[in-house]
C-alpha cells in the first residue's frame, strides 16, 4: 500500500554530512605531562557538549583542586586508574567505570598507579574547550621546566570558568 498524499509530497531529507574534524581534534595538546585530545569541540555541538580524552602518567603534576559552576563533567576510565577526590570523598576510577562531577563540586585527581591512565571526559554543556588547555600549556611552557606561576594558572582557570579551591 502506498503512502498518503501528504507522505508522498514530503521532501526527502538531505543525507547527513558530519562536520570536518577540527585541527585540534587531530593534534594533541600537551600541558606538562598531561596530554589532551579533543574528539568533539563545543562548536561542533552548538555548545551542547565537549568530548575529550586525556592521559595522565604515574605521579604527574596535575591541576589544583577546583570546581566549575556552569557545567557537569562526566568521566569514563579507559585505561589505568586515577584517584579522584570530589567534595572530600576519595575513590579510584578503574577502566569501564564512570562518575559524574556535578556543578560546584570541588575536585582533583592523581595517578597513584604504575601505568598511564586514560580517561574520557564529557563536559555538558560544552563550555570548556581546547583554549583552556592551550592557555595552561603556555603557562607551563613559560616556566621553562620549573614550577609554573600559580597565580597565572589560577587566572587561566578563572578565565575559563574554573574556580581554584
Protein backbone atom coordinates (compact mmCIF):
# COMPACT_ATOMS: atom_id res chain seq x y z
CA UNK A 1 0.00 0.00 0.00
CA UNK A 2 1.42 3.41 -0.90
CA UNK A 3 1.65 6.31 1.50
CA UNK A 4 -0.92 9.06 1.82
CA UNK A 5 -0.70 12.09 -0.49
CA UNK A 6 0.77 14.06 2.41
CA UNK A 7 3.56 11.49 2.87
CA UNK A 8 4.43 11.28 -0.80
CA UNK A 9 4.60 15.08 -1.04
CA UNK A 10 7.10 15.35 1.82
CA UNK A 11 10.57 16.45 0.73
CA UNK A 12 13.37 13.96 1.09
CA UNK A 13 15.84 14.91 3.80
CA UNK A 14 19.36 15.60 2.67
CA UNK A 15 21.84 12.93 3.79
CA UNK A 16 23.68 13.75 7.00
CA UNK A 17 27.13 15.17 6.43
CA UNK A 18 29.25 15.27 9.59
CA UNK A 19 31.39 18.35 10.16
CA UNK A 20 35.02 18.03 9.18
CA UNK A 21 37.39 17.29 12.07
CA UNK A 22 38.78 20.46 13.57
CA UNK A 23 42.55 20.95 13.71
CA UNK A 24 42.68 20.41 17.48
CA UNK A 25 40.79 17.12 17.07
CA UNK A 26 43.83 15.82 15.22
CA UNK A 27 46.52 17.48 17.35
CA UNK A 28 47.10 16.51 20.98
CA UNK A 29 47.51 19.33 23.47
CA UNK A 30 50.45 18.77 25.82
CA UNK A 31 50.17 20.58 29.16
CA UNK A 32 53.11 19.47 31.25
CA UNK A 33 52.93 15.68 31.44
CA UNK A 34 49.20 15.57 30.63
CA UNK A 35 48.11 15.00 27.03
CA UNK A 36 44.61 16.06 25.94
CA UNK A 37 42.90 15.03 22.69
CA UNK A 38 39.63 16.74 21.80
CA UNK A 39 37.24 14.41 19.98
CA UNK A 40 34.29 16.81 19.80
CA UNK A 41 34.63 20.54 20.35
CA UNK A 42 31.82 22.72 21.71
CA UNK A 43 31.35 24.47 18.36
CA UNK A 44 30.54 21.13 16.72
CA UNK A 45 27.52 20.67 19.03
CA UNK A 46 26.32 24.29 19.21
CA UNK A 47 27.68 24.32 22.74
CA UNK A 48 25.83 21.17 23.81
CA UNK A 49 28.93 19.28 24.91
CA UNK A 50 32.66 18.88 24.62
CA UNK A 51 34.31 15.45 24.48
CA UNK A 52 37.98 14.78 25.06
CA UNK A 53 40.29 12.12 26.37
CA UNK A 54 43.34 12.76 28.47
CA UNK A 55 46.41 10.79 29.52
CA UNK A 56 47.98 11.15 32.95
CA UNK A 57 51.32 9.39 33.57
CA UNK A 58 52.05 7.98 37.03
CA UNK A 59 52.99 10.71 39.51
CA UNK A 60 52.32 13.54 37.04
CA UNK A 61 51.74 17.05 38.33
CA UNK A 62 48.02 17.62 37.89
CA UNK A 63 45.61 20.58 38.09
CA UNK A 64 44.89 22.04 41.50
CA UNK A 65 41.59 21.23 43.17
CA UNK A 66 38.86 23.28 41.54
CA UNK A 67 35.16 23.49 40.78
CA UNK A 68 33.03 24.73 37.92
CA UNK A 69 29.57 26.15 38.45
CA UNK A 70 28.35 26.19 34.84
CA UNK A 71 28.84 22.59 33.71
CA UNK A 72 29.00 18.94 34.71
CA UNK A 73 31.98 16.73 33.98
CA UNK A 74 31.27 13.05 33.24
CA UNK A 75 34.33 10.80 33.33
CA UNK A 76 34.79 7.30 31.93
CA UNK A 77 38.04 5.46 32.66
CA UNK A 78 39.57 3.80 29.60
CA UNK A 79 42.96 2.63 30.90
CA UNK A 80 44.83 2.74 34.20
CA UNK A 81 43.37 4.26 37.36
CA UNK A 82 43.01 7.82 38.51
CA UNK A 83 42.30 8.54 42.15
CA UNK A 84 39.67 11.28 42.38
CA UNK A 85 38.77 13.44 45.34
CA UNK A 86 35.32 15.00 44.96
CA UNK A 87 33.96 17.15 47.80
CA UNK A 88 36.30 15.31 50.17
CA UNK A 89 35.34 11.77 49.08
CA UNK A 90 38.28 9.84 47.61
CA UNK A 91 37.88 6.94 45.16
CA UNK A 92 39.71 5.26 42.29
CA UNK A 93 38.14 5.09 38.85
CA UNK A 94 39.12 1.88 37.04
CA UNK A 95 38.65 1.04 33.34
CA UNK A 96 34.98 0.69 32.49
CA UNK A 97 33.86 2.79 35.47
CA UNK A 98 32.15 6.15 35.22
CA UNK A 99 31.43 9.06 37.52
CA UNK A 100 29.75 12.45 37.25
CA UNK A 101 31.19 15.55 38.88
CA UNK A 102 28.27 17.90 39.49
CA UNK A 103 28.42 21.65 39.15
CA UNK A 104 30.07 23.29 42.13
CA UNK A 105 31.80 20.14 43.44
CA UNK A 106 35.44 20.71 44.40
CA UNK A 107 37.55 18.00 42.79
CA UNK A 108 41.03 16.89 41.78
CA UNK A 109 42.76 13.75 40.57
CA UNK A 110 46.07 11.93 40.88
CA UNK A 111 47.63 8.96 39.15
CA UNK A 112 48.96 6.90 42.05
CA UNK A 113 49.34 3.79 39.89
CA UNK A 114 52.18 2.40 37.81
CA UNK A 115 50.71 2.91 34.33
CA UNK A 116 49.46 5.90 32.36
CA UNK A 117 45.75 6.46 32.91
CA UNK A 118 43.49 7.49 30.03
CA UNK A 119 40.07 8.96 30.77
CA UNK A 120 37.26 10.14 28.53
CA UNK A 121 35.63 13.40 29.67
CA UNK A 122 32.26 14.79 28.62
CA UNK A 123 31.56 18.42 29.50
CA UNK A 124 27.86 19.42 29.48
CA UNK A 125 27.05 21.96 28.34
CA UNK A 126 30.17 22.39 26.23
CA UNK A 127 31.68 25.41 27.94
CA UNK A 128 35.26 24.11 28.22
CA UNK A 129 37.21 23.74 25.02
CA UNK A 130 40.78 23.42 23.75
CA UNK A 131 41.59 27.07 24.52
CA UNK A 132 41.76 26.30 28.25
CA UNK A 133 44.32 23.54 27.77
CA UNK A 134 46.35 25.63 25.30
CA UNK A 135 46.42 28.50 27.82
CA UNK A 136 47.52 26.21 30.68
CA UNK A 137 50.17 24.66 28.41
CA UNK A 138 51.52 28.16 27.66
CA UNK A 139 51.86 28.96 31.39
CA UNK A 140 53.66 25.65 31.98
CA UNK A 141 55.96 26.24 28.99
CA UNK A 142 56.78 29.77 30.22
CA UNK A 143 58.14 28.22 33.43
CA UNK A 144 60.95 26.63 31.40
CA UNK A 145 60.89 23.35 33.29
CA UNK A 146 60.50 25.00 36.71
CA UNK A 147 57.30 25.30 38.69
CA UNK A 148 54.57 27.20 36.83
CA UNK A 149 53.38 30.61 38.02
CA UNK A 150 50.44 29.55 40.21
CA UNK A 151 48.82 33.00 40.01
CA UNK A 152 48.90 32.75 36.20
CA UNK A 153 47.42 29.23 36.32
CA UNK A 154 44.63 30.46 38.63
CA UNK A 155 43.92 33.36 36.27
CA UNK A 156 43.65 30.97 33.32
CA UNK A 157 41.33 28.73 35.32
CA UNK A 158 39.04 31.62 36.26
CA UNK A 159 39.01 32.95 32.69
CA UNK A 160 37.73 29.55 31.50
CA UNK A 161 35.06 29.08 34.19
CA UNK A 162 37.01 27.04 36.76
CA UNK A 163 37.29 28.20 40.35
CA UNK A 164 40.54 27.21 42.12
CA UNK A 165 39.80 25.72 45.55
